[in-house]
Amino acid sequence: MEKVVIASNNQGKIKEIKAMLADFQVNVYSLKDLGIDVDVAETGTSFQENAALKAETISGGQQI
């Protein structure tokens, strides 16, 4: 089963994403679920850039 990490601390956003992915065969994890306590500064000029910053910071080459 695939694993998806939501790189957000916004619990409302995480709940919405989990609901959207409920019909797919994926395990969805929040940062809190994984014990990751980090707040990535949103310094990008777009949603896409900020998402990339978060993904790069959170992934750090780690496997879950």
PDB file of N, CA and C in Angstrom:
ATOM      1  N   MET A   1       0.846  -1.174   0.000  1.00  0.00           N
ATOM      2  CA  MET A   1       0.000   0.000   0.000  1.00  0.00           C
ATOM      3  C   MET A   1       0.899   1.248   0.000  1.00  0.00           C
ATOM      4  N   GLU A   2       0.533   2.214  -0.794  1.00  0.00           N
ATOM      5  CA  GLU A   2       1.296   3.462  -0.880  1.00  0.00           C
ATOM      6  C   GLU A   2       1.107   4.296   0.379  1.00  0.00           C
ATOM      7  N   LYS A   3       2.113   5.107   0.673  1.00  0.00           N
ATOM      8  CA  LYS A   3       2.064   6.002   1.826  1.00  0.00           C
ATOM      9  C   LYS A   3       2.123   7.441   1.334  1.00  0.00           C
ATOM     10  N   VAL A   4       1.280   8.287   1.927  1.00  0.00           N
ATOM     11  CA  VAL A   4       1.244   9.703   1.588  1.00  0.00           C
ATOM     12  C   VAL A   4       1.425  10.499   2.869  1.00  0.00           C
ATOM     13  N   VAL A   5       2.396  11.414   2.861  1.00  0.00           N
ATOM     14  CA  VAL A   5       2.610  12.292   4.003  1.00  0.00           C
ATOM     15  C   VAL A   5       2.113  13.680   3.625  1.00  0.00           C
ATOM     16  N   ILE A   6       1.226  14.213   4.455  1.00  0.00           N
ATOM     17  CA  ILE A   6       0.720  15.565   4.254  1.00  0.00           C
ATOM     18  C   ILE A   6       1.632  16.507   5.033  1.00  0.00           C
ATOM     19  N   ALA A   7       2.397  17.315   4.306  1.00  0.00           N
ATOM     20  CA  ALA A   7       3.384  18.209   4.931  1.00  0.00           C
ATOM     21  C   ALA A   7       2.706  19.483   5.403  1.00  0.00           C
ATOM     22  N   SER A   8       1.846  19.310   6.400  1.00  0.00           N
ATOM     23  CA  SER A   8       1.094  20.435   6.937  1.00  0.00           C
ATOM     24  C   SER A   8       0.833  20.189   8.410  1.00  0.00           C
ATOM     25  N   ASN A   9       0.693  21.273   9.146  1.00  0.00           N
ATOM     26  CA  ASN A   9       0.279  21.176  10.542  1.00  0.00           C
ATOM     27  C   ASN A   9      -1.173  21.617  10.712  1.00  0.00           C
ATOM     28  N   ASN A  10      -1.834  21.927   9.604  1.00  0.00           N
ATOM     29  CA  ASN A  10      -3.220  22.386   9.612  1.00  0.00           C
ATOM     30  C   ASN A  10      -4.136  21.160   9.684  1.00  0.00           C
ATOM     31  N   GLN A  11      -4.688  20.903  10.878  1.00  0.00           N
ATOM     32  CA  GLN A  11      -5.495  19.696  11.088  1.00  0.00           C
ATOM     33  C   GLN A  11      -6.754  19.662  10.218  1.00  0.00           C
ATOM     34  N   GLY A  12      -7.347  20.826   9.937  1.00  0.00           N
ATOM     35  CA  GLY A  12      -8.514  20.868   9.056  1.00  0.00           C
ATOM     36  C   GLY A  12      -8.166  20.437   7.650  1.00  0.00           C
ATOM     37  N   LYS A  13      -7.028  20.923   7.158  1.00  0.00           N
ATOM     38  CA  LYS A  13      -6.564  20.567   5.818  1.00  0.00           C
ATOM     39  C   LYS A  13      -6.257  19.070   5.740  1.00  0.00           C
ATOM     40  N   ILE A  14      -5.636  18.544   6.770  1.00  0.00           N
ATOM     41  CA  ILE A  14      -5.295  17.124   6.795  1.00  0.00           C
ATOM     42  C   ILE A  14      -6.559  16.275   6.771  1.00  0.00           C
ATOM     43  N   LYS A  15      -7.554  16.671   7.545  1.00  0.00           N
ATOM     44  CA  LYS A  15      -8.828  15.940   7.580  1.00  0.00           C
ATOM     45  C   LYS A  15      -9.482  15.931   6.200  1.00  0.00           C
ATOM     46  N   GLU A  16      -9.474  17.078   5.510  1.00  0.00           N
ATOM     47  CA  GLU A  16     -10.061  17.164   4.168  1.00  0.00           C
ATOM     48  C   GLU A  16      -9.324  16.264   3.182  1.00  0.00           C
ATOM     49  N   ILE A  17      -8.004  16.272   3.237  1.00  0.00           N
ATOM     50  CA  ILE A  17      -7.218  15.457   2.301  1.00  0.00           C
ATOM     51  C   ILE A  17      -7.431  13.974   2.577  1.00  0.00           C
ATOM     52  N   LYS A  18      -7.459  13.599   3.851  1.00  0.00           N
ATOM     53  CA  LYS A  18      -7.723  12.196   4.189  1.00  0.00           C
ATOM     54  C   LYS A  18      -9.079  11.760   3.641  1.00  0.00           C
ATOM     55  N   ALA A  19     -10.072  12.624   3.740  1.00  0.00           N
ATOM     56  CA  ALA A  19     -11.410  12.300   3.224  1.00  0.00           C
ATOM     57  C   ALA A  19     -11.371  12.148   1.700  1.00  0.00           C
ATOM     58  N   MET A  20     -10.642  13.017   1.022  1.00  0.00           N
ATOM     59  CA  MET A  20     -10.547  12.933  -0.442  1.00  0.00           C
ATOM     60  C   MET A  20      -9.862  11.653  -0.907  1.00  0.00           C
ATOM     61  N   LEU A  21      -8.929  11.157  -0.112  1.00  0.00           N
ATOM     62  CA  LEU A  21      -8.162   9.969  -0.507  1.00  0.00           C
ATOM     63  C   LEU A  21      -8.714   8.669   0.085  1.00  0.00           C
ATOM     64  N   ALA A  22      -9.824   8.750   0.789  1.00  0.00           N
ATOM     65  CA  ALA A  22     -10.379   7.596   1.491  1.00  0.00           C
ATOM     66  C   ALA A  22     -10.693   6.417   0.567  1.00  0.00           C
ATOM     67  N   ASP A  23     -11.059   6.682  -0.677  1.00  0.00           N
ATOM     68  CA  ASP A  23     -11.431   5.607  -1.601  1.00  0.00           C
ATOM     69  C   ASP A  23     -10.233   4.981  -2.316  1.00  0.00           C
ATOM     70  N   PHE A  24      -9.049   5.513  -2.067  1.00  0.00           N
ATOM     71  CA  PHE A  24      -7.845   5.000  -2.709  1.00  0.00           C
ATOM     72  C   PHE A  24      -7.079   4.125  -1.723  1.00  0.00           C
ATOM     73  N   GLN A  25      -6.287   3.234  -2.243  1.00  0.00           N
ATOM     74  CA  GLN A  25      -5.529   2.341  -1.376  1.00  0.00           C
ATOM     75  C   GLN A  25      -4.208   2.999  -0.984  1.00  0.00           C
ATOM     76  N   VAL A  26      -4.315   3.993  -0.102  1.00  0.00           N
ATOM     77  CA  VAL A  26      -3.140   4.689   0.411  1.00  0.00           C
ATOM     78  C   VAL A  26      -3.287   4.889   1.912  1.00  0.00           C
ATOM     79  N   ASN A  27      -2.175   4.879   2.589  1.00  0.00           N
ATOM     80  CA  ASN A  27      -2.138   5.258   3.998  1.00  0.00           C
ATOM     81  C   ASN A  27      -1.730   6.719   4.033  1.00  0.00           C
ATOM     82  N   VAL A  28      -2.529   7.539   4.686  1.00  0.00           N
ATOM     83  CA  VAL A  28      -2.272   8.975   4.748  1.00  0.00           C
ATOM     84  C   VAL A  28      -1.785   9.319   6.148  1.00  0.00           C
ATOM     85  N   TYR A  29      -0.656  10.016   6.223  1.00  0.00           N
ATOM     86  CA  TYR A  29      -0.068  10.393   7.496  1.00  0.00           C
ATOM     87  C   TYR A  29       0.091  11.905   7.565  1.00  0.00           C
ATOM     88  N   SER A  30      -0.148  12.458   8.729  1.00  0.00           N
ATOM     89  CA  SER A  30       0.154  13.861   8.977  1.00  0.00           C
ATOM     90  C   SER A  30       1.543  13.923   9.606  1.00  0.00           C
ATOM     91  N   LEU A  31       2.098  15.124   9.681  1.00  0.00           N
ATOM     92  CA  LEU A  31       3.383  15.280  10.354  1.00  0.00           C
ATOM     93  C   LEU A  31       3.275  14.828  11.809  1.00  0.00           C
ATOM     94  N   LYS A  32       2.156  15.162  12.436  1.00  0.00           N
ATOM     95  CA  LYS A  32       1.936  14.779  13.831  1.00  0.00           C
ATOM     96  C   LYS A  32       1.908  13.262  13.984  1.00  0.00           C
ATOM     97  N   ASP A  33       1.259  12.572  13.026  1.00  0.00           N
ATOM     98  CA  ASP A  33       1.211  11.103  13.069  1.00  0.00           C
ATOM     99  C   ASP A  33       2.608  10.497  13.106  1.00  0.00           C
ATOM    100  N   LEU A  34       3.557  11.163  12.444  1.00  0.00           N
ATOM    101  CA  LEU A  34       4.916  10.639  12.322  1.00  0.00           C
ATOM    102  C   LEU A  34       5.873  11.229  13.346  1.00  0.00           C
ATOM    103  N   GLY A  35       5.346  12.054  14.248  1.00  0.00           N
ATOM    104  CA  GLY A  35       6.196  12.651  15.270  1.00  0.00           C
ATOM    105  C   GLY A  35       7.154  13.694  14.726  1.00  0.00           C
ATOM    106  N   ILE A  36       6.788  14.317  13.612  1.00  0.00           N
ATOM    107  CA  ILE A  36       7.636  15.341  13.005  1.00  0.00           C
ATOM    108  C   ILE A  36       7.124  16.707  13.446  1.00  0.00           C
ATOM    109  N   ASP A  37       7.990  17.440  14.131  1.00  0.00           N
ATOM    110  CA  ASP A  37       7.615  18.760  14.628  1.00  0.00           C
ATOM    111  C   ASP A  37       8.462  19.802  13.907  1.00  0.00           C
ATOM    112  N   VAL A  38       7.959  20.251  12.769  1.00  0.00           N
ATOM    113  CA  VAL A  38       8.683  21.248  11.980  1.00  0.00           C
ATOM    114  C   VAL A  38       7.664  22.190  11.360  1.00  0.00           C
ATOM    115  N   ASP A  39       8.047  23.440  11.275  1.00  0.00           N
ATOM    116  CA  ASP A  39       7.193  24.430  10.633  1.00  0.00           C
ATOM    117  C   ASP A  39       8.010  25.051   9.505  1.00  0.00           C
ATOM    118  N   VAL A  40       7.667  24.734   8.278  1.00  0.00           N
ATOM    119  CA  VAL A  40       8.407  25.213   7.113  1.00  0.00           C
ATOM    120  C   VAL A  40       7.889  26.594   6.735  1.00  0.00           C
ATOM    121  N   ALA A  41       8.791  27.555   6.651  1.00  0.00           N
ATOM    122  CA  ALA A  41       8.412  28.913   6.257  1.00  0.00           C
ATOM    123  C   ALA A  41       7.939  28.917   4.808  1.00  0.00           C
ATOM    124  N   GLU A  42       6.792  29.519   4.573  1.00  0.00           N
ATOM    125  CA  GLU A  42       6.234  29.603   3.221  1.00  0.00           C
ATOM    126  C   GLU A  42       6.801  30.842   2.534  1.00  0.00           C
ATOM    127  N   THR A  43       8.022  30.707   2.015  1.00  0.00           N
ATOM    128  CA  THR A  43       8.727  31.830   1.393  1.00  0.00           C
ATOM    129  C   THR A  43       8.601  31.850  -0.123  1.00  0.00           C
ATOM    130  N   GLY A  44       7.921  30.873  -0.685  1.00  0.00           N
ATOM    131  CA  GLY A  44       7.715  30.832  -2.136  1.00  0.00           C
ATOM    132  C   GLY A  44       6.745  31.912  -2.573  1.00  0.00           C
ATOM    133  N   THR A  45       6.684  32.118  -3.876  1.00  0.00           N
ATOM    134  CA  THR A  45       5.786  33.144  -4.414  1.00  0.00           C
ATOM    135  C   THR A  45       4.468  32.560  -4.915  1.00  0.00           C
ATOM    136  N   SER A  46       4.287  31.242  -4.735  1.00  0.00           N
ATOM    137  CA  SER A  46       3.051  30.600  -5.173  1.00  0.00           C
ATOM    138  C   SER A  46       2.776  29.397  -4.279  1.00  0.00           C
ATOM    139  N   PHE A  47       1.547  28.903  -4.358  1.00  0.00           N
ATOM    140  CA  PHE A  47       1.180  27.686  -3.632  1.00  0.00           C
ATOM    141  C   PHE A  47       2.103  26.545  -4.031  1.00  0.00           C
ATOM    142  N   GLN A  48       2.382  26.447  -5.329  1.00  0.00           N
ATOM    143  CA  GLN A  48       3.219  25.362  -5.848  1.00  0.00           C
ATOM    144  C   GLN A  48       4.643  25.429  -5.278  1.00  0.00           C
ATOM    145  N   GLU A  49       5.217  26.621  -5.229  1.00  0.00           N
ATOM    146  CA  GLU A  49       6.566  26.765  -4.675  1.00  0.00           C
ATOM    147  C   GLU A  49       6.595  26.416  -3.188  1.00  0.00           C
ATOM    148  N   ASN A  50       5.578  26.856  -2.449  1.00  0.00           N
ATOM    149  CA  ASN A  50       5.520  26.542  -1.024  1.00  0.00           C
ATOM    150  C   ASN A  50       5.339  25.043  -0.794  1.00  0.00           C
ATOM    151  N   ALA A  51       4.547  24.399  -1.618  1.00  0.00           N
ATOM    152  CA  ALA A  51       4.365  22.947  -1.512  1.00  0.00           C
ATOM    153  C   ALA A  51       5.686  22.230  -1.763  1.00  0.00           C
ATOM    154  N   ALA A  52       6.441  22.700  -2.749  1.00  0.00           N
ATOM    155  CA  ALA A  52       7.739  22.092  -3.055  1.00  0.00           C
ATOM    156  C   ALA A  52       8.717  22.283  -1.892  1.00  0.00           C
ATOM    157  N   LEU A  53       8.735  23.469  -1.294  1.00  0.00           N
ATOM    158  CA  LEU A  53       9.597  23.720  -0.138  1.00  0.00           C
ATOM    159  C   LEU A  53       9.286  22.763   1.002  1.00  0.00           C
ATOM    160  N   LYS A  54       8.003  22.574   1.259  1.00  0.00           N
ATOM    161  CA  LYS A  54       7.595  21.668   2.332  1.00  0.00           C
ATOM    162  C   LYS A  54       7.978  20.229   2.012  1.00  0.00           C
ATOM    163  N   ALA A  55       7.723  19.808   0.788  1.00  0.00           N
ATOM    164  CA  ALA A  55       8.040  18.430   0.396  1.00  0.00           C
ATOM    165  C   ALA A  55       9.535  18.154   0.508  1.00  0.00           C
ATOM    166  N   GLU A  56      10.357  19.101   0.049  1.00  0.00           N
ATOM    167  CA  GLU A  56      11.811  18.922   0.111  1.00  0.00           C
ATOM    168  C   GLU A  56      12.296  18.887   1.562  1.00  0.00           C
ATOM    169  N   THR A  57      11.755  19.771   2.381  1.00  0.00           N
ATOM    170  CA  THR A  57      12.176  19.827   3.786  1.00  0.00           C
ATOM    171  C   THR A  57      11.751  18.571   4.534  1.00  0.00           C
ATOM    172  N   ILE A  58      10.511  18.173   4.359  1.00  0.00           N
ATOM    173  CA  ILE A  58       9.973  17.035   5.108  1.00  0.00           C
ATOM    174  C   ILE A  58      10.588  15.722   4.648  1.00  0.00           C
ATOM    175  N   SER A  59      10.778  15.556   3.341  1.00  0.00           N
ATOM    176  CA  SER A  59      11.292  14.275   2.850  1.00  0.00           C
ATOM    177  C   SER A  59      12.715  14.028   3.327  1.00  0.00           C
ATOM    178  N   GLY A  60      13.559  15.009   3.211  1.00  0.00           N
ATOM    179  CA  GLY A  60      14.935  14.870   3.705  1.00  0.00           C
ATOM    180  C   GLY A  60      15.583  13.549   3.372  1.00  0.00           C
ATOM    181  N   GLY A  61      15.075  12.884   2.339  1.00  0.00           N
ATOM    182  CA  GLY A  61      15.631  11.594   1.947  1.00  0.00           C
ATOM    183  C   GLY A  61      15.218  10.441   2.847  1.00  0.00           C
ATOM    184  N   GLN A  62      14.263  10.689   3.751  1.00  0.00           N
ATOM    185  CA  GLN A  62      13.847   9.657   4.692  1.00  0.00           C
ATOM    186  C   GLN A  62      12.794   8.744   4.099  1.00  0.00           C
ATOM    187  N   GLN A  63      12.772   7.523   4.548  1.00  0.00           N
ATOM    188  CA  GLN A  63      11.752   6.549   4.172  1.00  0.00           C
ATOM    189  C   GLN A  63      10.794   6.384   5.340  1.00  0.00           C
ATOM    190  N   ILE A  64       9.502   6.248   5.048  1.00  0.00           N
ATOM    191  CA  ILE A  64       8.550   5.975   6.133  1.00  0.00           C
ATOM    192  C   ILE A  64       7.961   4.588   5.942  1.00  0.00           C
TER     193      ILE A  64
END
